[in-house]
Amino acid sequence: MDTVENAERFARERHAGQFRKGKAKEPYVTHLEEVCDLVKQWGGSDIEQAAAWLHDTVEDCPPTSLLELEQEFGTDIAQIVGELTDDKSLPKAERKALQVHNAPKKTTSAALVKLADKTSNIGALSKSPPDGWDLQRRLDYVEWAQRVVDALPYKHVAGMKEFEKRCDLAILQAYEDLGSIRQAQNAALEMLSRKAKRAGLDHAQAENFIKSFVKSNL
């Protein structure tokens, strides 16, 4: 059994019985599978793919420890997982603040897995948001995820495009689900503006693009 397969087996065993927070209540391993798939798509090594499978085991599957991962998978993988593990003894707000604070210190491998993790989470927020999350909480989550990712020292180009696309869709879906029609329309226009600017248009060009788009769809 190779490293990635062994990491998948280990993660599936440790996360057995855990589910995502969204309405669909998907098995938690669906998230890990997607994170690993994204890392692989973005050229991640076997070590990075294995770390993607394992990145939440220490945080969410006690008594799993970094020492155990080092003994089972080696120092390199354990170190990546260590960089991605929050201290659950801290209040949630402090943990979230530390993710932003610590993001610039990530190694290239940890940054790649972190980007894949945030991309997966934002996609889940759009498709299956947690019960009870109001509009502002969903928007705040996207804004926080963007701050974490923006602070990473390494940003895979294709990975960033996918992350930004999912952020746009999550914001638009939040307004469609919980906002007014006008808010949803404004969010759609803002999304088009961001896409235009990411394509290299300046502010005036982006404004003209939006006006042309609106006129052509009236």
C-alpha atoms as a PDB file:
ATOM      1  CA  MET A   1       0.000   0.000   0.000  1.00  0.00           C
ATOM      2  CA  ASP A   2       1.503   3.365  -1.022  1.00  0.00           C
ATOM      3  CA  THR A   3       1.664   6.465   1.158  1.00  0.00           C
ATOM      4  CA  VAL A   4      -1.479   8.137  -0.171  1.00  0.00           C
ATOM      5  CA  GLU A   5      -3.551   4.951   0.067  1.00  0.00           C
ATOM      6  CA  ASN A   6      -2.289   4.344   3.590  1.00  0.00           C
ATOM      7  CA  ALA A   7      -3.172   7.915   4.582  1.00  0.00           C
ATOM      8  CA  GLU A   8      -6.653   7.515   3.090  1.00  0.00           C
ATOM      9  CA  ARG A   9      -7.214   4.278   5.019  1.00  0.00           C
ATOM     10  CA  PHE A  10      -6.010   5.897   8.255  1.00  0.00           C
ATOM     11  CA  ALA A  11      -8.178   8.990   7.756  1.00  0.00           C
ATOM     12  CA  ARG A  12     -11.298   6.981   6.913  1.00  0.00           C
ATOM     13  CA  GLU A  13     -10.853   4.930  10.079  1.00  0.00           C
ATOM     14  CA  ARG A  14     -10.246   7.932  12.335  1.00  0.00           C
ATOM     15  CA  HIS A  15     -13.062  10.067  10.888  1.00  0.00           C
ATOM     16  CA  ALA A  16     -15.586   7.197  10.861  1.00  0.00           C
ATOM     17  CA  GLY A  17     -18.956   8.389  12.136  1.00  0.00           C
ATOM     18  CA  GLN A  18     -18.179  12.084  11.588  1.00  0.00           C
ATOM     19  CA  PHE A  19     -20.305  14.231   9.290  1.00  0.00           C
ATOM     20  CA  ARG A  20     -20.108  17.657   7.679  1.00  0.00           C
ATOM     21  CA  LYS A  21     -21.973  20.553   9.323  1.00  0.00           C
ATOM     22  CA  GLY A  22     -24.042  21.291   6.217  1.00  0.00           C
ATOM     23  CA  LYS A  23     -27.672  20.401   5.685  1.00  0.00           C
ATOM     24  CA  ALA A  24     -26.726  17.369   3.587  1.00  0.00           C
ATOM     25  CA  LYS A  25     -24.800  15.870   6.554  1.00  0.00           C
ATOM     26  CA  GLU A  26     -22.299  14.226   4.228  1.00  0.00           C
ATOM     27  CA  PRO A  27     -19.698  11.889   5.731  1.00  0.00           C
ATOM     28  CA  TYR A  28     -16.689  13.983   6.722  1.00  0.00           C
ATOM     29  CA  VAL A  29     -14.380  11.942   4.503  1.00  0.00           C
ATOM     30  CA  THR A  30     -16.044  13.470   1.416  1.00  0.00           C
ATOM     31  CA  HIS A  31     -14.302  16.716   2.364  1.00  0.00           C
ATOM     32  CA  LEU A  32     -10.940  14.987   2.796  1.00  0.00           C
ATOM     33  CA  GLU A  33     -11.343  13.231  -0.532  1.00  0.00           C
ATOM     34  CA  GLU A  34     -12.018  16.533  -2.288  1.00  0.00           C
ATOM     35  CA  VAL A  35      -9.062  18.253  -0.599  1.00  0.00           C
ATOM     36  CA  CYS A  36      -6.764  15.459  -1.741  1.00  0.00           C
ATOM     37  CA  ASP A  37      -8.208  15.561  -5.271  1.00  0.00           C
ATOM     38  CA  LEU A  38      -7.619  19.326  -5.482  1.00  0.00           C
ATOM     39  CA  VAL A  39      -4.050  18.972  -4.213  1.00  0.00           C
ATOM     40  CA  LYS A  40      -3.449  16.282  -6.837  1.00  0.00           C
ATOM     41  CA  GLN A  41      -4.992  18.426  -9.612  1.00  0.00           C
ATOM     42  CA  TRP A  42      -2.687  21.277  -8.620  1.00  0.00           C
ATOM     43  CA  GLY A  43       0.432  19.133  -8.928  1.00  0.00           C
ATOM     44  CA  GLY A  44       0.798  18.124  -5.284  1.00  0.00           C
ATOM     45  CA  SER A  45       3.253  15.361  -4.413  1.00  0.00           C
ATOM     46  CA  ASP A  46       2.336  12.081  -2.728  1.00  0.00           C
ATOM     47  CA  ILE A  47       3.464  13.616   0.577  1.00  0.00           C
ATOM     48  CA  GLU A  48       1.140  16.605   0.076  1.00  0.00           C
ATOM     49  CA  GLN A  49      -1.750  14.368  -0.985  1.00  0.00           C
ATOM     50  CA  ALA A  50      -1.248  12.202   2.097  1.00  0.00           C
ATOM     51  CA  ALA A  51      -1.187  15.312   4.293  1.00  0.00           C
ATOM     52  CA  ALA A  52      -4.452  16.398   2.656  1.00  0.00           C
ATOM     53  CA  TRP A  53      -6.105  13.164   3.807  1.00  0.00           C
ATOM     54  CA  LEU A  54      -4.656  13.536   7.304  1.00  0.00           C
ATOM     55  CA  HIS A  55      -4.885  17.290   7.875  1.00  0.00           C
ATOM     56  CA  ASP A  56      -7.795  17.122  10.342  1.00  0.00           C
ATOM     57  CA  THR A  57      -6.966  13.881  12.167  1.00  0.00           C
ATOM     58  CA  VAL A  58      -5.054  15.440  15.082  1.00  0.00           C
ATOM     59  CA  GLU A  59      -7.536  18.291  15.424  1.00  0.00           C
ATOM     60  CA  ASP A  60     -10.755  16.288  15.174  1.00  0.00           C
ATOM     61  CA  CYS A  61      -9.899  12.674  16.011  1.00  0.00           C
ATOM     62  CA  PRO A  62      -8.419  12.374  19.513  1.00  0.00           C
ATOM     63  CA  PRO A  63      -6.247  10.743  20.672  1.00  0.00           C
ATOM     64  CA  THR A  64      -4.513  10.958  17.278  1.00  0.00           C
ATOM     65  CA  SER A  65      -1.244  12.858  17.739  1.00  0.00           C
ATOM     66  CA  LEU A  66       1.501  14.294  15.585  1.00  0.00           C
ATOM     67  CA  LEU A  67       3.875  11.774  17.119  1.00  0.00           C
ATOM     68  CA  GLU A  68       1.644   8.945  15.925  1.00  0.00           C
ATOM     69  CA  LEU A  69       1.521  10.437  12.427  1.00  0.00           C
ATOM     70  CA  GLU A  70       5.300  10.805  12.398  1.00  0.00           C
ATOM     71  CA  GLN A  71       5.728   7.181  13.379  1.00  0.00           C
ATOM     72  CA  GLU A  72       3.161   6.019  10.820  1.00  0.00           C
ATOM     73  CA  PHE A  73       3.899   8.351   7.886  1.00  0.00           C
ATOM     74  CA  GLY A  74       7.212  10.095   8.530  1.00  0.00           C
ATOM     75  CA  THR A  75       8.392  13.521   9.615  1.00  0.00           C
ATOM     76  CA  ASP A  76       7.539  15.431   6.419  1.00  0.00           C
ATOM     77  CA  ILE A  77       3.856  14.521   6.464  1.00  0.00           C
ATOM     78  CA  ALA A  78       3.540  15.033  10.221  1.00  0.00           C
ATOM     79  CA  GLN A  79       5.080  18.495   9.936  1.00  0.00           C
ATOM     80  CA  ILE A  80       2.596  19.546   7.250  1.00  0.00           C
ATOM     81  CA  VAL A  81      -0.313  18.298   9.346  1.00  0.00           C
ATOM     82  CA  GLY A  82       1.138  20.146  12.349  1.00  0.00           C
ATOM     83  CA  GLU A  83       1.100  23.402  10.383  1.00  0.00           C
ATOM     84  CA  LEU A  84      -2.576  22.834   9.550  1.00  0.00           C
ATOM     85  CA  THR A  85      -3.764  21.846  13.034  1.00  0.00           C
ATOM     86  CA  ASP A  86      -5.659  24.325  15.218  1.00  0.00           C
ATOM     87  CA  ASP A  87      -5.395  24.231  18.988  1.00  0.00           C
ATOM     88  CA  LYS A  88      -8.918  23.149  19.966  1.00  0.00           C
ATOM     89  CA  SER A  89      -8.324  24.237  23.576  1.00  0.00           C
ATOM     90  CA  LEU A  90      -8.548  27.874  22.403  1.00  0.00           C
ATOM     91  CA  PRO A  91     -11.832  29.744  21.839  1.00  0.00           C
ATOM     92  CA  LYS A  92     -13.115  29.528  18.277  1.00  0.00           C
ATOM     93  CA  ALA A  93     -12.662  33.246  17.597  1.00  0.00           C
ATOM     94  CA  GLU A  94      -9.028  33.043  18.681  1.00  0.00           C
ATOM     95  CA  ARG A  95      -8.423  29.976  16.507  1.00  0.00           C
ATOM     96  CA  LYS A  96      -9.821  31.798  13.493  1.00  0.00           C
ATOM     97  CA  ALA A  97      -7.682  34.853  14.169  1.00  0.00           C
ATOM     98  CA  LEU A  98      -4.599  32.651  14.496  1.00  0.00           C
ATOM     99  CA  GLN A  99      -5.275  31.080  11.108  1.00  0.00           C
ATOM    100  CA  VAL A 100      -4.940  34.521   9.535  1.00  0.00           C
ATOM    101  CA  HIS A 101      -1.926  35.403  11.695  1.00  0.00           C
ATOM    102  CA  ASN A 102      -0.092  32.148  10.992  1.00  0.00           C
ATOM    103  CA  ALA A 103      -0.907  31.871   7.275  1.00  0.00           C
ATOM    104  CA  PRO A 104       2.216  33.789   6.104  1.00  0.00           C
ATOM    105  CA  LYS A 105       4.424  31.312   7.977  1.00  0.00           C
ATOM    106  CA  LYS A 106       3.201  28.266   6.072  1.00  0.00           C
ATOM    107  CA  THR A 107       5.592  26.165   4.019  1.00  0.00           C
ATOM    108  CA  THR A 108       4.772  25.734   0.340  1.00  0.00           C
ATOM    109  CA  SER A 109       3.316  22.274   0.996  1.00  0.00           C
ATOM    110  CA  ALA A 110       1.145  23.439   3.879  1.00  0.00           C
ATOM    111  CA  ALA A 111      -0.020  26.451   1.859  1.00  0.00           C
ATOM    112  CA  LEU A 112      -1.108  24.189  -1.005  1.00  0.00           C
ATOM    113  CA  VAL A 113      -3.142  21.932   1.295  1.00  0.00           C
ATOM    114  CA  LYS A 114      -4.566  24.978   3.109  1.00  0.00           C
ATOM    115  CA  LEU A 115      -5.750  26.483  -0.181  1.00  0.00           C
ATOM    116  CA  ALA A 116      -7.392  23.183  -1.132  1.00  0.00           C
ATOM    117  CA  ASP A 117      -9.012  22.940   2.302  1.00  0.00           C
ATOM    118  CA  LYS A 118     -10.463  26.441   2.129  1.00  0.00           C
ATOM    119  CA  THR A 119     -11.600  25.880  -1.465  1.00  0.00           C
ATOM    120  CA  SER A 120     -13.464  22.739  -0.427  1.00  0.00           C
ATOM    121  CA  ASN A 121     -15.041  24.448   2.568  1.00  0.00           C
ATOM    122  CA  ILE A 122     -16.250  27.417   0.539  1.00  0.00           C
ATOM    123  CA  GLY A 123     -17.748  25.068  -2.037  1.00  0.00           C
ATOM    124  CA  ALA A 124     -19.590  23.225   0.721  1.00  0.00           C
ATOM    125  CA  LEU A 125     -20.919  26.511   2.104  1.00  0.00           C
ATOM    126  CA  SER A 126     -22.474  27.245  -1.261  1.00  0.00           C
ATOM    127  CA  LYS A 127     -23.959  23.774  -1.863  1.00  0.00           C
ATOM    128  CA  SER A 128     -24.912  22.751   1.680  1.00  0.00           C
ATOM    129  CA  PRO A 129     -24.671  25.557   4.264  1.00  0.00           C
ATOM    130  CA  PRO A 130     -25.035  24.668   7.943  1.00  0.00           C
ATOM    131  CA  ASP A 131     -28.527  24.871   9.415  1.00  0.00           C
ATOM    132  CA  GLY A 132     -29.125  28.093  11.282  1.00  0.00           C
ATOM    133  CA  TRP A 133     -26.457  30.174   9.563  1.00  0.00           C
ATOM    134  CA  ASP A 134     -27.938  33.535   8.650  1.00  0.00           C
ATOM    135  CA  LEU A 135     -26.842  35.711   5.743  1.00  0.00           C
ATOM    136  CA  GLN A 136     -24.217  37.655   7.658  1.00  0.00           C
ATOM    137  CA  ARG A 137     -22.609  34.552   9.092  1.00  0.00           C
ATOM    138  CA  ARG A 138     -22.229  33.046   5.646  1.00  0.00           C
ATOM    139  CA  LEU A 139     -20.765  36.265   4.247  1.00  0.00           C
ATOM    140  CA  ASP A 140     -18.429  36.603   7.238  1.00  0.00           C
ATOM    141  CA  TYR A 141     -17.158  33.058   6.696  1.00  0.00           C
ATOM    142  CA  VAL A 142     -16.274  33.787   3.074  1.00  0.00           C
ATOM    143  CA  GLU A 143     -14.537  37.028   4.063  1.00  0.00           C
ATOM    144  CA  TRP A 144     -12.509  35.214   6.738  1.00  0.00           C
ATOM    145  CA  ALA A 145     -11.510  32.426   4.345  1.00  0.00           C
ATOM    146  CA  GLN A 146     -10.362  35.040   1.849  1.00  0.00           C
ATOM    147  CA  ARG A 147      -8.196  36.730   4.487  1.00  0.00           C
ATOM    148  CA  VAL A 148      -6.556  33.403   5.363  1.00  0.00           C
ATOM    149  CA  VAL A 149      -5.855  32.554   1.736  1.00  0.00           C
ATOM    150  CA  ASP A 150      -4.670  36.068   0.867  1.00  0.00           C
ATOM    151  CA  ALA A 151      -2.066  35.784   3.630  1.00  0.00           C
ATOM    152  CA  LEU A 152      -0.577  32.515   2.357  1.00  0.00           C
ATOM    153  CA  PRO A 153       3.001  32.886   1.056  1.00  0.00           C
ATOM    154  CA  TYR A 154       2.389  30.488  -1.845  1.00  0.00           C
ATOM    155  CA  LYS A 155      -0.722  30.572  -4.017  1.00  0.00           C
ATOM    156  CA  HIS A 156      -1.106  28.044  -6.803  1.00  0.00           C
ATOM    157  CA  VAL A 157      -2.441  29.927  -9.842  1.00  0.00           C
ATOM    158  CA  ALA A 158      -5.134  27.435 -10.863  1.00  0.00           C
ATOM    159  CA  GLY A 159      -5.964  26.871  -7.208  1.00  0.00           C
ATOM    160  CA  MET A 160      -6.554  30.581  -6.649  1.00  0.00           C
ATOM    161  CA  LYS A 161      -8.845  30.784  -9.668  1.00  0.00           C
ATOM    162  CA  GLU A 162     -10.945  27.925  -8.313  1.00  0.00           C
ATOM    163  CA  PHE A 163     -10.999  29.413  -4.812  1.00  0.00           C
ATOM    164  CA  GLU A 164     -12.056  32.845  -6.083  1.00  0.00           C
ATOM    165  CA  LYS A 165     -14.762  31.323  -8.292  1.00  0.00           C
ATOM    166  CA  ARG A 166     -16.197  29.401  -5.340  1.00  0.00           C
ATOM    167  CA  CYS A 167     -16.107  32.515  -3.144  1.00  0.00           C
ATOM    168  CA  ASP A 168     -18.109  34.415  -5.747  1.00  0.00           C
ATOM    169  CA  LEU A 169     -20.645  31.602  -5.995  1.00  0.00           C
ATOM    170  CA  ALA A 170     -20.921  31.266  -2.214  1.00  0.00           C
ATOM    171  CA  ILE A 171     -21.647  34.983  -1.836  1.00  0.00           C
ATOM    172  CA  LEU A 172     -24.190  34.926  -4.640  1.00  0.00           C
ATOM    173  CA  GLN A 173     -25.877  31.804  -3.242  1.00  0.00           C
ATOM    174  CA  ALA A 174     -26.057  33.342   0.233  1.00  0.00           C
ATOM    175  CA  TYR A 175     -27.907  36.371  -1.123  1.00  0.00           C
ATOM    176  CA  GLU A 176     -30.183  34.198  -3.249  1.00  0.00           C
ATOM    177  CA  ASP A 177     -31.045  32.015  -0.250  1.00  0.00           C
ATOM    178  CA  LEU A 178     -31.378  34.667   2.445  1.00  0.00           C
ATOM    179  CA  GLY A 179     -31.249  38.149   0.933  1.00  0.00           C
ATOM    180  CA  SER A 180     -33.571  40.315  -1.109  1.00  0.00           C
ATOM    181  CA  ILE A 181     -33.861  40.197  -4.889  1.00  0.00           C
ATOM    182  CA  ARG A 182     -32.004  43.513  -5.083  1.00  0.00           C
ATOM    183  CA  GLN A 183     -29.189  42.184  -2.905  1.00  0.00           C
ATOM    184  CA  ALA A 184     -28.857  39.111  -5.103  1.00  0.00           C
ATOM    185  CA  GLN A 185     -28.776  41.274  -8.219  1.00  0.00           C
ATOM    186  CA  ASN A 186     -26.131  43.553  -6.721  1.00  0.00           C
ATOM    187  CA  ALA A 187     -24.076  40.527  -5.660  1.00  0.00           C
ATOM    188  CA  ALA A 188     -24.229  39.165  -9.212  1.00  0.00           C
ATOM    189  CA  LEU A 189     -23.031  42.465 -10.644  1.00  0.00           C
ATOM    190  CA  GLU A 190     -20.236  42.671  -8.081  1.00  0.00           C
ATOM    191  CA  MET A 191     -19.201  39.125  -8.981  1.00  0.00           C
ATOM    192  CA  LEU A 192     -19.013  40.087 -12.667  1.00  0.00           C
ATOM    193  CA  SER A 193     -16.958  43.143 -11.764  1.00  0.00           C
ATOM    194  CA  ARG A 194     -14.457  41.056  -9.798  1.00  0.00           C
ATOM    195  CA  LYS A 195     -14.198  38.569 -12.653  1.00  0.00           C
ATOM    196  CA  ALA A 196     -13.534  41.404 -15.114  1.00  0.00           C
ATOM    197  CA  LYS A 197     -10.818  42.897 -12.916  1.00  0.00           C
ATOM    198  CA  ARG A 198      -9.192  39.487 -12.397  1.00  0.00           C
ATOM    199  CA  ALA A 199      -9.125  39.186 -16.193  1.00  0.00           C
ATOM    200  CA  GLY A 200      -6.971  42.317 -16.296  1.00  0.00           C
ATOM    201  CA  LEU A 201      -9.518  45.059 -16.962  1.00  0.00           C
ATOM    202  CA  ASP A 202      -9.067  48.363 -15.146  1.00  0.00           C
ATOM    203  CA  HIS A 203     -11.929  49.973 -13.209  1.00  0.00           C
ATOM    204  CA  ALA A 204     -13.331  51.917 -16.182  1.00  0.00           C
ATOM    205  CA  GLN A 205     -13.147  48.882 -18.466  1.00  0.00           C
ATOM    206  CA  ALA A 206     -14.822  46.735 -15.832  1.00  0.00           C
ATOM    207  CA  GLU A 207     -17.645  49.278 -15.498  1.00  0.00           C
ATOM    208  CA  ASN A 208     -18.155  49.311 -19.262  1.00  0.00           C
ATOM    209  CA  PHE A 209     -18.172  45.511 -19.288  1.00  0.00           C
ATOM    210  CA  ILE A 210     -20.898  45.434 -16.634  1.00  0.00           C
ATOM    211  CA  LYS A 211     -23.005  48.029 -18.467  1.00  0.00           C
ATOM    212  CA  SER A 212     -22.724  46.105 -21.723  1.00  0.00           C
ATOM    213  CA  PHE A 213     -23.643  42.867 -19.979  1.00  0.00           C
ATOM    214  CA  VAL A 214     -26.714  44.418 -18.343  1.00  0.00           C
ATOM    215  CA  LYS A 215     -27.913  46.019 -21.585  1.00  0.00           C
ATOM    216  CA  SER A 216     -27.504  42.782 -23.526  1.00  0.00           C
ATOM    217  CA  ASN A 217     -29.597  40.906 -20.966  1.00  0.00           C
ATOM    218  CA  LEU A 218     -32.462  43.384 -20.589  1.00  0.00           C
END
